[in-house]
PDB file of N, CA and C in Angstrom:
ATOM      1  N   MET A   1      68.177  55.841 129.181  1.00  0.00           N
ATOM      2  CA  MET A   1      69.055  56.935 128.865  1.00  0.00           C
ATOM      3  C   MET A   1      68.222  58.064 128.259  1.00  0.00           C
ATOM      4  N   SER A   2      68.485  59.251 128.716  1.00  0.00           N
ATOM      5  CA  SER A   2      67.706  60.387 128.221  1.00  0.00           C
ATOM      6  C   SER A   2      68.087  60.727 126.780  1.00  0.00           C
ATOM      7  N   GLU A   3      67.169  61.352 126.089  1.00  0.00           N
ATOM      8  CA  GLU A   3      67.384  61.738 124.694  1.00  0.00           C
ATOM      9  C   GLU A   3      68.556  62.718 124.570  1.00  0.00           C
ATOM     10  N   SER A   4      68.665  63.651 125.514  1.00  0.00           N
ATOM     11  CA  SER A   4      69.743  64.641 125.437  1.00  0.00           C
ATOM     12  C   SER A   4      71.115  63.999 125.671  1.00  0.00           C
ATOM     13  N   LEU A   5      71.183  63.018 126.577  1.00  0.00           N
ATOM     14  CA  LEU A   5      72.441  62.317 126.815  1.00  0.00           C
ATOM     15  C   LEU A   5      72.833  61.501 125.586  1.00  0.00           C
ATOM     16  N   LEU A   6      71.871  60.846 124.971  1.00  0.00           N
ATOM     17  CA  LEU A   6      72.124  60.076 123.757  1.00  0.00           C
ATOM     18  C   LEU A   6      72.622  60.982 122.638  1.00  0.00           C
ATOM     19  N   ASP A   7      71.977  62.121 122.455  1.00  0.00           N
ATOM     20  CA  ASP A   7      72.403  63.070 121.425  1.00  0.00           C
ATOM     21  C   ASP A   7      73.818  63.582 121.690  1.00  0.00           C
ATOM     22  N   ALA A   8      74.137  63.842 122.943  1.00  0.00           N
ATOM     23  CA  ALA A   8      75.479  64.314 123.297  1.00  0.00           C
ATOM     24  C   ALA A   8      76.522  63.249 122.977  1.00  0.00           C
ATOM     25  N   ARG A   9      76.210  62.002 123.273  1.00  0.00           N
ATOM     26  CA  ARG A   9      77.135  60.908 122.965  1.00  0.00           C
ATOM     27  C   ARG A   9      77.304  60.714 121.459  1.00  0.00           C
ATOM     28  N   LYS A  10      76.212  60.843 120.717  1.00  0.00           N
ATOM     29  CA  LYS A  10      76.295  60.734 119.258  1.00  0.00           C
ATOM     30  C   LYS A  10      77.182  61.836 118.689  1.00  0.00           C
ATOM     31  N   THR A  11      77.018  63.035 119.195  1.00  0.00           N
ATOM     32  CA  THR A  11      77.814  64.169 118.728  1.00  0.00           C
ATOM     33  C   THR A  11      79.287  63.950 119.042  1.00  0.00           C
ATOM     34  N   ARG A  12      79.576  63.493 120.246  1.00  0.00           N
ATOM     35  CA  ARG A  12      80.957  63.238 120.643  1.00  0.00           C
ATOM     36  C   ARG A  12      81.584  62.139 119.787  1.00  0.00           C
ATOM     37  N   ALA A  13      80.832  61.063 119.537  1.00  0.00           N
ATOM     38  CA  ALA A  13      81.340  59.969 118.705  1.00  0.00           C
ATOM     39  C   ALA A  13      81.577  60.432 117.275  1.00  0.00           C
ATOM     40  N   ARG A  14      80.645  61.186 116.744  1.00  0.00           N
ATOM     41  CA  ARG A  14      80.786  61.689 115.365  1.00  0.00           C
ATOM     42  C   ARG A  14      82.039  62.553 115.242  1.00  0.00           C
ATOM     43  N   THR A  15      82.244  63.438 116.201  1.00  0.00           N
ATOM     44  CA  THR A  15      83.416  64.302 116.195  1.00  0.00           C
ATOM     45  C   THR A  15      84.692  63.483 116.259  1.00  0.00           C
ATOM     46  N   TRP A  16      84.713  62.451 117.114  1.00  0.00           N
ATOM     47  CA  TRP A  16      85.892  61.599 117.249  1.00  0.00           C
ATOM     48  C   TRP A  16      86.201  60.894 115.930  1.00  0.00           C
ATOM     49  N   PHE A  17      85.194  60.301 115.295  1.00  0.00           N
ATOM     50  CA  PHE A  17      85.413  59.587 114.043  1.00  0.00           C
ATOM     51  C   PHE A  17      85.814  60.528 112.911  1.00  0.00           C
ATOM     52  N   GLU A  18      85.247  61.709 112.863  1.00  0.00           N
ATOM     53  CA  GLU A  18      85.632  62.679 111.836  1.00  0.00           C
ATOM     54  C   GLU A  18      87.075  63.124 112.024  1.00  0.00           C
ATOM     55  N   THR A  19      87.493  63.322 113.264  1.00  0.00           N
ATOM     56  CA  THR A  19      88.871  63.693 113.557  1.00  0.00           C
ATOM     57  C   THR A  19      89.817  62.560 113.179  1.00  0.00           C
ATOM     58  N   LEU A  20      89.443  61.328 113.501  1.00  0.00           N
ATOM     59  CA  LEU A  20      90.248  60.168 113.129  1.00  0.00           C
ATOM     60  C   LEU A  20      90.400  60.092 111.610  1.00  0.00           C
ATOM     61  N   ARG A  21      89.296  60.243 110.886  1.00  0.00           N
ATOM     62  CA  ARG A  21      89.325  60.235 109.419  1.00  0.00           C
ATOM     63  C   ARG A  21      90.268  61.314 108.891  1.00  0.00           C
ATOM     64  N   ASP A  22      90.142  62.523 109.410  1.00  0.00           N
ATOM     65  CA  ASP A  22      90.968  63.631 108.947  1.00  0.00           C
ATOM     66  C   ASP A  22      92.447  63.385 109.238  1.00  0.00           C
ATOM     67  N   ASP A  23      92.751  62.825 110.412  1.00  0.00           N
ATOM     68  CA  ASP A  23      94.138  62.528 110.776  1.00  0.00           C
ATOM     69  C   ASP A  23      94.734  61.454 109.865  1.00  0.00           C
ATOM     70  N   ILE A  24      93.970  60.417 109.561  1.00  0.00           N
ATOM     71  CA  ILE A  24      94.445  59.355 108.670  1.00  0.00           C
ATOM     72  C   ILE A  24      94.693  59.906 107.269  1.00  0.00           C
ATOM     73  N   CYS A  25      93.754  60.678 106.758  1.00  0.00           N
ATOM     74  CA  CYS A  25      93.924  61.274 105.421  1.00  0.00           C
ATOM     75  C   CYS A  25      95.144  62.188 105.389  1.00  0.00           C
ATOM     76  N   ALA A  26      95.314  63.001 106.400  1.00  0.00           N
ATOM     77  CA  ALA A  26      96.457  63.916 106.452  1.00  0.00           C
ATOM     78  C   ALA A  26      97.778  63.150 106.503  1.00  0.00           C
ATOM     79  N   ALA A  27      97.807  62.035 107.228  1.00  0.00           N
ATOM     80  CA  ALA A  27      99.031  61.234 107.317  1.00  0.00           C
ATOM     81  C   ALA A  27      99.384  60.634 105.953  1.00  0.00           C
ATOM     82  N   PHE A  28      98.393  60.106 105.240  1.00  0.00           N
ATOM     83  CA  PHE A  28      98.657  59.559 103.911  1.00  0.00           C
ATOM     84  C   PHE A  28      99.089  60.654 102.932  1.00  0.00           C
ATOM     85  N   GLU A  29      98.471  61.813 103.009  1.00  0.00           N
ATOM     86  CA  GLU A  29      98.853  62.921 102.130  1.00  0.00           C
ATOM     87  C   GLU A  29     100.276  63.385 102.426  1.00  0.00           C
ATOM     88  N   ALA A  30     100.656  63.385 103.707  1.00  0.00           N
ATOM     89  CA  ALA A  30     102.017  63.774 104.081  1.00  0.00           C
ATOM     90  C   ALA A  30     103.036  62.760 103.562  1.00  0.00           C
ATOM     91  N   LEU A  31     102.696  61.474 103.610  1.00  0.00           N
ATOM     92  CA  LEU A  31     103.586  60.448 103.067  1.00  0.00           C
ATOM     93  C   LEU A  31     103.832  60.676 101.580  1.00  0.00           C
ATOM     94  N   GLU A  32     102.778  60.950 100.835  1.00  0.00           N
ATOM     95  CA  GLU A  32     102.927  61.184  99.401  1.00  0.00           C
ATOM     96  C   GLU A  32     103.720  62.446  99.128  1.00  0.00           C
ATOM     97  N   ALA A  33     103.507  63.476  99.899  1.00  0.00           N
ATOM     98  CA  ALA A  33     104.215  64.741  99.696  1.00  0.00           C
ATOM     99  C   ALA A  33     105.710  64.593  99.994  1.00  0.00           C
ATOM    100  N   ALA A  34     106.061  63.682 100.903  1.00  0.00           N
ATOM    101  CA  ALA A  34     107.453  63.491 101.303  1.00  0.00           C
ATOM    102  C   ALA A  34     108.165  62.418 100.476  1.00  0.00           C
ATOM    103  N   LEU A  35     107.545  61.944  99.425  1.00  0.00           N
ATOM    104  CA  LEU A  35     108.129  60.907  98.585  1.00  0.00           C
ATOM    105  C   LEU A  35     109.449  61.393  97.986  1.00  0.00           C
ATOM    106  N   PRO A  36     110.532  60.623  98.155  1.00  0.00           N
ATOM    107  CA  PRO A  36     111.823  61.034  97.598  1.00  0.00           C
ATOM    108  C   PRO A  36     111.763  61.149  96.065  1.00  0.00           C
ATOM    109  N   ALA A  37     112.558  62.016  95.505  1.00  0.00           N
ATOM    110  CA  ALA A  37     112.532  62.293  94.066  1.00  0.00           C
ATOM    111  C   ALA A  37     112.831  61.059  93.221  1.00  0.00           C
ATOM    112  N   ARG A  38     113.612  60.130  93.721  1.00  0.00           N
ATOM    113  CA  ARG A  38     113.981  58.939  92.947  1.00  0.00           C
ATOM    114  C   ARG A  38     113.028  57.765  93.164  1.00  0.00           C
ATOM    115  N   ALA A  39     112.040  57.937  93.962  1.00  0.00           N
ATOM    116  CA  ALA A  39     111.095  56.841  94.250  1.00  0.00           C
ATOM    117  C   ALA A  39     110.182  56.602  93.040  1.00  0.00           C
ATOM    118  N   PRO A  40     109.671  55.369  92.925  1.00  0.00           N
ATOM    119  CA  PRO A  40     108.714  55.107  91.839  1.00  0.00           C
ATOM    120  C   PRO A  40     107.511  56.055  91.948  1.00  0.00           C
ATOM    121  N   LEU A  41     107.060  56.537  90.832  1.00  0.00           N
ATOM    122  CA  LEU A  41     105.915  57.437  90.714  1.00  0.00           C
ATOM    123  C   LEU A  41     106.168  58.840  91.278  1.00  0.00           C
ATOM    124  N   ALA A  42     107.410  59.143  91.615  1.00  0.00           N
ATOM    125  CA  ALA A  42     107.729  60.459  92.179  1.00  0.00           C
ATOM    126  C   ALA A  42     107.512  61.583  91.171  1.00  0.00           C
ATOM    127  N   ASP A  43     107.433  61.234  89.891  1.00  0.00           N
ATOM    128  CA  ASP A  43     107.222  62.256  88.871  1.00  0.00           C
ATOM    129  C   ASP A  43     105.769  62.723  88.818  1.00  0.00           C
ATOM    130  N   ARG A  44     104.899  62.048  89.553  1.00  0.00           N
ATOM    131  CA  ARG A  44     103.473  62.423  89.582  1.00  0.00           C
ATOM    132  C   ARG A  44     103.178  63.332  90.781  1.00  0.00           C
ATOM    133  N   ALA A  45     102.144  64.116  90.650  1.00  0.00           N
ATOM    134  CA  ALA A  45     101.741  64.992  91.763  1.00  0.00           C
ATOM    135  C   ALA A  45     101.240  64.142  92.935  1.00  0.00           C
ATOM    136  N   ALA A  46     101.496  64.626  94.133  1.00  0.00           N
ATOM    137  CA  ALA A  46     101.010  63.922  95.326  1.00  0.00           C
ATOM    138  C   ALA A  46      99.486  63.881  95.315  1.00  0.00           C
ATOM    139  N   GLY A  47      98.937  62.764  95.718  1.00  0.00           N
ATOM    140  CA  GLY A  47      97.485  62.609  95.747  1.00  0.00           C
ATOM    141  C   GLY A  47      96.852  63.339  96.913  1.00  0.00           C
ATOM    142  N   ARG A  48      95.623  63.689  96.752  1.00  0.00           N
ATOM    143  CA  ARG A  48      94.835  64.341  97.809  1.00  0.00           C
ATOM    144  C   ARG A  48      93.475  63.670  97.875  1.00  0.00           C
ATOM    145  N   PHE A  49      92.967  63.526  99.068  1.00  0.00           N
ATOM    146  CA  PHE A  49      91.647  62.944  99.254  1.00  0.00           C
ATOM    147  C   PHE A  49      90.569  63.967  98.931  1.00  0.00           C
ATOM    148  N   VAL A  50      89.496  63.506  98.356  1.00  0.00           N
ATOM    149  CA  VAL A  50      88.337  64.347  98.082  1.00  0.00           C
ATOM    150  C   VAL A  50      87.182  63.791  98.908  1.00  0.00           C
ATOM    151  N   ARG A  51      86.692  64.598  99.809  1.00  0.00           N
ATOM    152  CA  ARG A  51      85.592  64.139 100.675  1.00  0.00           C
ATOM    153  C   ARG A  51      84.261  64.440  99.998  1.00  0.00           C
ATOM    154  N   THR A  52      83.426  63.421  99.927  1.00  0.00           N
ATOM    155  CA  THR A  52      82.102  63.581  99.332  1.00  0.00           C
ATOM    156  C   THR A  52      81.053  63.133 100.340  1.00  0.00           C
ATOM    157  N   PRO A  53      79.941  63.840 100.428  1.00  0.00           N
ATOM    158  CA  PRO A  53      78.881  63.440 101.359  1.00  0.00           C
ATOM    159  C   PRO A  53      78.253  62.122 100.906  1.00  0.00           C
ATOM    160  N   TRP A  54      77.795  61.344 101.860  1.00  0.00           N
ATOM    161  CA  TRP A  54      77.151  60.078 101.558  1.00  0.00           C
ATOM    162  C   TRP A  54      76.151  59.733 102.656  1.00  0.00           C
ATOM    163  N   SER A  55      75.255  58.829 102.340  1.00  0.00           N
ATOM    164  CA  SER A  55      74.290  58.313 103.315  1.00  0.00           C
ATOM    165  C   SER A  55      74.323  56.795 103.252  1.00  0.00           C
ATOM    166  N   ARG A  56      74.279  56.168 104.394  1.00  0.00           N
ATOM    167  CA  ARG A  56      74.303  54.712 104.459  1.00  0.00           C
ATOM    168  C   ARG A  56      72.893  54.170 104.306  1.00  0.00           C
ATOM    169  N   VAL A  57      72.741  53.148 103.468  1.00  0.00           N
ATOM    170  CA  VAL A  57      71.459  52.489 103.259  1.00  0.00           C
ATOM    171  C   VAL A  57      71.676  50.999 103.448  1.00  0.00           C
ATOM    172  N   ASP A  58      70.821  50.335 104.206  1.00  0.00           N
ATOM    173  CA  ASP A  58      70.984  48.892 104.364  1.00  0.00           C
ATOM    174  C   ASP A  58      70.395  48.163 103.159  1.00  0.00           C
ATOM    175  N   ARG A  59      70.513  46.838 103.139  1.00  0.00           N
ATOM    176  CA  ARG A  59      70.095  46.053 101.973  1.00  0.00           C
ATOM    177  C   ARG A  59      68.608  46.170 101.661  1.00  0.00           C
ATOM    178  N   SER A  60      67.809  46.473 102.651  1.00  0.00           N
ATOM    179  CA  SER A  60      66.373  46.611 102.398  1.00  0.00           C
ATOM    180  C   SER A  60      66.050  48.010 101.857  1.00  0.00           C
ATOM    181  N   ARG A  61      67.102  48.834 101.674  1.00  0.00           N
ATOM    182  CA  ARG A  61      66.978  50.206 101.185  1.00  0.00           C
ATOM    183  C   ARG A  61      66.237  51.102 102.176  1.00  0.00           C
ATOM    184  N   VAL A  62      66.222  50.716 103.444  1.00  0.00           N
ATOM    185  CA  VAL A  62      65.616  51.515 104.503  1.00  0.00           C
ATOM    186  C   VAL A  62      66.744  52.275 105.200  1.00  0.00           C
ATOM    187  N   TYR A  63      66.558  53.567 105.370  1.00  0.00           N
ATOM    188  CA  TYR A  63      67.576  54.358 106.036  1.00  0.00           C
ATOM    189  C   TYR A  63      67.625  54.021 107.522  1.00  0.00           C
ATOM    190  N   PRO A  64      68.843  53.919 108.093  1.00  0.00           N
ATOM    191  CA  PRO A  64      68.923  53.673 109.535  1.00  0.00           C
ATOM    192  C   PRO A  64      68.377  54.873 110.305  1.00  0.00           C
ATOM    193  N   ARG A  65      67.974  54.631 111.517  1.00  0.00           N
ATOM    194  CA  ARG A  65      67.350  55.690 112.321  1.00  0.00           C
ATOM    195  C   ARG A  65      68.259  56.912 112.471  1.00  0.00           C
ATOM    196  N   SER A  66      69.567  56.691 112.600  1.00  0.00           N
ATOM    197  CA  SER A  66      70.483  57.817 112.795  1.00  0.00           C
ATOM    198  C   SER A  66      70.570  58.721 111.577  1.00  0.00           C
ATOM    199  N   ALA A  67      70.148  58.252 110.403  1.00  0.00           N
ATOM    200  CA  ALA A  67      70.240  59.063 109.191  1.00  0.00           C
ATOM    201  C   ALA A  67      68.956  59.845 108.913  1.00  0.00           C
ATOM    202  N   ILE A  68      67.969  59.677 109.735  1.00  0.00           N
ATOM    203  CA  ILE A  68      66.684  60.355 109.511  1.00  0.00           C
ATOM    204  C   ILE A  68      66.724  61.745 110.091  1.00  0.00           C
TER     205      ILE A  68
END
């Protein structure tokens, strides 16, 4: 497989997973926002996700090739 094809597939996969993550977070945030007034914990503000950057490290503390 050529390097450019591999890079294109990585980009497409990354975009798909990021979209999936965003859709899941948005669905949970919408559930909290739609909580009925009489529901338990309804007196609290709806929660929101905070996205923070991270890097994956394996047990040997060596970065995987995709993170280089």
